[in-house]
Amino acid sequence: MDNEKSYESKAKKDLLDLITTRMPFGKYKGRVICDLPETYLVWFSQKGFPDGRIGTLLQIMYGIKAEGIEHIVYSLRSKLQHKR
């Protein structure tokens, strides 16, 4: 049960980070991770994702876009913006 809560907590943090973390380098420096073009994420998947948290987030977003479920991320972002 604790592992399930831990997983849920990590998943929530990952989703929040996808809509708040900005790309720290490269062609799309400053752009929020969830707004990166799919072609850029595909390029990383072919060349190798960077180490660390940014690489993890890029991999997650690549998977989300590859599965065609990015609407989940955008819906969350919209809900959070309306709460502010």
N, C-alpha and C. Protein backbone atom coordinates (compact mmCIF):
# COMPACT_ATOMS: atom_id res chain seq x y z
N MET A 1 0.82 -1.19 0.00
CA MET A 1 0.00 0.00 0.00
C MET A 1 0.87 1.26 0.00
N ASP A 2 1.92 1.27 0.82
CA ASP A 2 2.82 2.42 0.85
C ASP A 2 3.50 2.62 -0.49
N ASN A 3 3.87 1.52 -1.16
CA ASN A 3 4.49 1.63 -2.47
C ASN A 3 3.54 2.27 -3.48
N GLU A 4 2.25 1.93 -3.36
CA GLU A 4 1.25 2.49 -4.27
C GLU A 4 1.12 3.99 -4.05
N LYS A 5 1.08 4.43 -2.81
CA LYS A 5 1.01 5.86 -2.50
C LYS A 5 2.27 6.57 -2.97
N SER A 6 3.41 5.92 -2.78
CA SER A 6 4.68 6.50 -3.21
C SER A 6 4.69 6.67 -4.73
N TYR A 7 4.19 5.68 -5.44
CA TYR A 7 4.13 5.75 -6.90
C TYR A 7 3.20 6.88 -7.33
N GLU A 8 2.02 6.97 -6.69
CA GLU A 8 1.07 8.03 -7.02
C GLU A 8 1.67 9.40 -6.77
N SER A 9 2.37 9.54 -5.66
CA SER A 9 3.00 10.81 -5.32
C SER A 9 4.06 11.19 -6.36
N LYS A 10 4.85 10.21 -6.76
CA LYS A 10 5.88 10.46 -7.78
C LYS A 10 5.25 10.82 -9.12
N ALA A 11 4.20 10.12 -9.47
CA ALA A 11 3.52 10.40 -10.74
C ALA A 11 2.93 11.81 -10.75
N LYS A 12 2.34 12.22 -9.64
CA LYS A 12 1.78 13.58 -9.54
C LYS A 12 2.89 14.62 -9.67
N LYS A 13 4.02 14.36 -9.00
CA LYS A 13 5.15 15.30 -9.08
C LYS A 13 5.66 15.37 -10.52
N ASP A 14 5.77 14.23 -11.17
CA ASP A 14 6.23 14.21 -12.56
C ASP A 14 5.31 15.05 -13.45
N LEU A 15 3.99 14.87 -13.31
CA LEU A 15 3.05 15.63 -14.13
C LEU A 15 3.15 17.12 -13.84
N LEU A 16 3.25 17.49 -12.59
CA LEU A 16 3.39 18.90 -12.24
C LEU A 16 4.69 19.47 -12.81
N ASP A 17 5.75 18.70 -12.73
CA ASP A 17 7.03 19.17 -13.27
C ASP A 17 6.98 19.33 -14.79
N LEU A 18 6.23 18.48 -15.47
CA LEU A 18 6.12 18.60 -16.93
C LEU A 18 5.47 19.91 -17.35
N ILE A 19 4.60 20.45 -16.51
CA ILE A 19 3.90 21.68 -16.88
C ILE A 19 4.52 22.93 -16.25
N THR A 20 5.56 22.74 -15.44
CA THR A 20 6.18 23.91 -14.80
C THR A 20 7.68 24.06 -15.08
N THR A 21 8.34 22.97 -15.41
CA THR A 21 9.79 23.01 -15.63
C THR A 21 10.10 23.52 -17.02
N ARG A 22 11.03 24.44 -17.09
CA ARG A 22 11.45 25.00 -18.38
C ARG A 22 12.74 24.33 -18.85
N MET A 23 12.84 24.18 -20.14
CA MET A 23 14.03 23.60 -20.76
C MET A 23 15.22 24.51 -20.44
N PRO A 24 16.27 23.96 -19.82
CA PRO A 24 17.38 24.80 -19.37
C PRO A 24 18.45 25.07 -20.43
N PHE A 25 18.35 24.46 -21.59
CA PHE A 25 19.39 24.62 -22.60
C PHE A 25 18.83 24.30 -23.98
N GLY A 26 19.65 24.59 -24.99
CA GLY A 26 19.34 24.17 -26.35
C GLY A 26 18.41 25.10 -27.11
N LYS A 27 17.97 24.61 -28.23
CA LYS A 27 17.15 25.37 -29.17
C LYS A 27 15.87 25.90 -28.53
N TYR A 28 15.31 25.15 -27.59
CA TYR A 28 14.05 25.53 -26.97
C TYR A 28 14.23 25.94 -25.51
N LYS A 29 15.38 26.50 -25.21
CA LYS A 29 15.66 26.97 -23.85
C LYS A 29 14.55 27.93 -23.40
N GLY A 30 14.05 27.69 -22.20
CA GLY A 30 13.00 28.54 -21.64
C GLY A 30 11.59 28.04 -21.89
N ARG A 31 11.42 27.10 -22.80
CA ARG A 31 10.09 26.58 -23.09
C ARG A 31 9.73 25.50 -22.06
N VAL A 32 8.48 25.49 -21.62
CA VAL A 32 8.01 24.48 -20.67
C VAL A 32 8.10 23.10 -21.35
N ILE A 33 8.51 22.11 -20.58
CA ILE A 33 8.74 20.76 -21.13
C ILE A 33 7.54 20.24 -21.91
N CYS A 34 6.34 20.41 -21.39
CA CYS A 34 5.16 19.87 -22.09
C CYS A 34 4.90 20.57 -23.42
N ASP A 35 5.50 21.73 -23.63
CA ASP A 35 5.29 22.48 -24.87
C ASP A 35 6.39 22.25 -25.90
N LEU A 36 7.33 21.38 -25.61
CA LEU A 36 8.38 21.07 -26.57
C LEU A 36 7.79 20.32 -27.75
N PRO A 37 8.25 20.60 -28.97
CA PRO A 37 7.75 19.88 -30.13
C PRO A 37 8.12 18.39 -30.06
N GLU A 38 7.23 17.58 -30.56
CA GLU A 38 7.48 16.13 -30.55
C GLU A 38 8.75 15.78 -31.32
N THR A 39 9.04 16.50 -32.38
CA THR A 39 10.24 16.22 -33.17
C THR A 39 11.51 16.39 -32.32
N TYR A 40 11.49 17.36 -31.43
CA TYR A 40 12.64 17.60 -30.54
C TYR A 40 12.79 16.43 -29.56
N LEU A 41 11.68 15.94 -29.05
CA LEU A 41 11.71 14.79 -28.13
C LEU A 41 12.15 13.52 -28.85
N VAL A 42 11.72 13.36 -30.09
CA VAL A 42 12.15 12.21 -30.89
C VAL A 42 13.66 12.28 -31.11
N TRP A 43 14.17 13.47 -31.39
CA TRP A 43 15.61 13.65 -31.57
C TRP A 43 16.37 13.19 -30.33
N PHE A 44 15.91 13.60 -29.16
CA PHE A 44 16.55 13.15 -27.91
C PHE A 44 16.47 11.64 -27.77
N SER A 45 15.34 11.05 -28.14
CA SER A 45 15.20 9.60 -28.00
C SER A 45 16.20 8.87 -28.88
N GLN A 46 16.57 9.47 -30.01
CA GLN A 46 17.53 8.85 -30.92
C GLN A 46 18.98 9.13 -30.50
N LYS A 47 19.24 10.32 -29.98
CA LYS A 47 20.60 10.72 -29.61
C LYS A 47 20.95 10.37 -28.17
N GLY A 48 19.93 10.22 -27.33
CA GLY A 48 20.14 9.95 -25.91
C GLY A 48 19.65 11.12 -25.07
N PHE A 49 18.87 10.80 -24.07
CA PHE A 49 18.36 11.82 -23.17
C PHE A 49 19.47 12.23 -22.20
N PRO A 50 19.46 13.50 -21.78
CA PRO A 50 20.48 13.93 -20.82
C PRO A 50 20.27 13.25 -19.46
N ASP A 51 21.30 13.26 -18.65
CA ASP A 51 21.22 12.70 -17.30
C ASP A 51 20.39 13.61 -16.41
N GLY A 52 19.97 13.08 -15.31
CA GLY A 52 19.31 13.88 -14.29
C GLY A 52 17.82 14.04 -14.51
N ARG A 53 17.27 14.94 -13.73
CA ARG A 53 15.82 15.17 -13.73
C ARG A 53 15.31 15.65 -15.09
N ILE A 54 16.06 16.51 -15.74
CA ILE A 54 15.58 17.02 -17.03
C ILE A 54 15.47 15.89 -18.05
N GLY A 55 16.42 14.97 -18.03
CA GLY A 55 16.37 13.82 -18.94
C GLY A 55 15.17 12.94 -18.64
N THR A 56 14.89 12.75 -17.36
CA THR A 56 13.73 11.95 -16.95
C THR A 56 12.44 12.60 -17.46
N LEU A 57 12.32 13.90 -17.28
CA LEU A 57 11.12 14.59 -17.73
C LEU A 57 10.97 14.55 -19.25
N LEU A 58 12.08 14.68 -19.96
CA LEU A 58 12.03 14.59 -21.42
C LEU A 58 11.58 13.20 -21.87
N GLN A 59 12.06 12.17 -21.18
CA GLN A 59 11.66 10.80 -21.50
C GLN A 59 10.17 10.60 -21.24
N ILE A 60 9.70 11.10 -20.12
CA ILE A 60 8.28 10.97 -19.79
C ILE A 60 7.43 11.68 -20.84
N MET A 61 7.81 12.90 -21.19
CA MET A 61 7.02 13.66 -22.16
C MET A 61 7.08 13.00 -23.53
N TYR A 62 8.22 12.46 -23.90
CA TYR A 62 8.33 11.72 -25.16
C TYR A 62 7.33 10.56 -25.17
N GLY A 63 7.30 9.80 -24.09
CA GLY A 63 6.36 8.68 -24.00
C GLY A 63 4.91 9.11 -24.08
N ILE A 64 4.60 10.19 -23.40
CA ILE A 64 3.23 10.72 -23.42
C ILE A 64 2.84 11.15 -24.82
N LYS A 65 3.72 11.88 -25.50
CA LYS A 65 3.40 12.34 -26.86
C LYS A 65 3.38 11.17 -27.85
N ALA A 66 4.27 10.20 -27.66
CA ALA A 66 4.30 9.03 -28.56
C ALA A 66 3.00 8.23 -28.45
N GLU A 67 2.40 8.21 -27.27
CA GLU A 67 1.14 7.49 -27.05
C GLU A 67 -0.08 8.34 -27.42
N GLY A 68 0.15 9.61 -27.69
CA GLY A 68 -0.96 10.48 -28.08
C GLY A 68 -1.87 10.88 -26.93
N ILE A 69 -1.31 10.91 -25.72
CA ILE A 69 -2.14 11.23 -24.54
C ILE A 69 -1.73 12.55 -23.88
N GLU A 70 -1.13 13.44 -24.66
CA GLU A 70 -0.69 14.71 -24.09
C GLU A 70 -1.86 15.56 -23.60
N HIS A 71 -3.07 15.25 -24.05
CA HIS A 71 -4.23 16.00 -23.57
C HIS A 71 -4.37 15.91 -22.05
N ILE A 72 -3.87 14.84 -21.45
CA ILE A 72 -3.91 14.69 -19.99
C ILE A 72 -3.08 15.78 -19.34
N VAL A 73 -1.90 16.01 -19.87
CA VAL A 73 -0.99 17.03 -19.32
C VAL A 73 -1.59 18.42 -19.52
N TYR A 74 -2.11 18.67 -20.71
CA TYR A 74 -2.67 19.99 -21.00
C TYR A 74 -3.93 20.26 -20.17
N SER A 75 -4.72 19.22 -19.93
CA SER A 75 -5.90 19.36 -19.09
C SER A 75 -5.52 19.72 -17.66
N LEU A 76 -4.50 19.06 -17.14
CA LEU A 76 -4.02 19.37 -15.80
C LEU A 76 -3.53 20.82 -15.73
N ARG A 77 -2.78 21.23 -16.72
CA ARG A 77 -2.27 22.60 -16.75
C ARG A 77 -3.44 23.60 -16.76
N SER A 78 -4.44 23.33 -17.56
CA SER A 78 -5.60 24.21 -17.64
C SER A 78 -6.32 24.30 -16.29
N LYS A 79 -6.49 23.17 -15.63
CA LYS A 79 -7.15 23.15 -14.31
C LYS A 79 -6.35 23.94 -13.29
N LEU A 80 -5.05 23.80 -13.31
CA LEU A 80 -4.21 24.51 -12.35
C LEU A 80 -4.21 26.02 -12.62
N GLN A 81 -4.26 26.40 -13.89
CA GLN A 81 -4.29 27.82 -14.23
C GLN A 81 -5.60 28.46 -13.80
N HIS A 82 -6.69 27.72 -13.84
CA HIS A 82 -7.98 28.25 -13.45
C HIS A 82 -8.10 28.41 -11.93
N LYS A 83 -7.30 27.64 -11.18
CA LYS A 83 -7.31 27.73 -9.72
C LYS A 83 -6.58 28.97 -9.22
N ARG A 84 -5.70 29.52 -10.04
CA ARG A 84 -4.89 30.67 -9.62
C ARG A 84 -5.66 31.94 -9.63
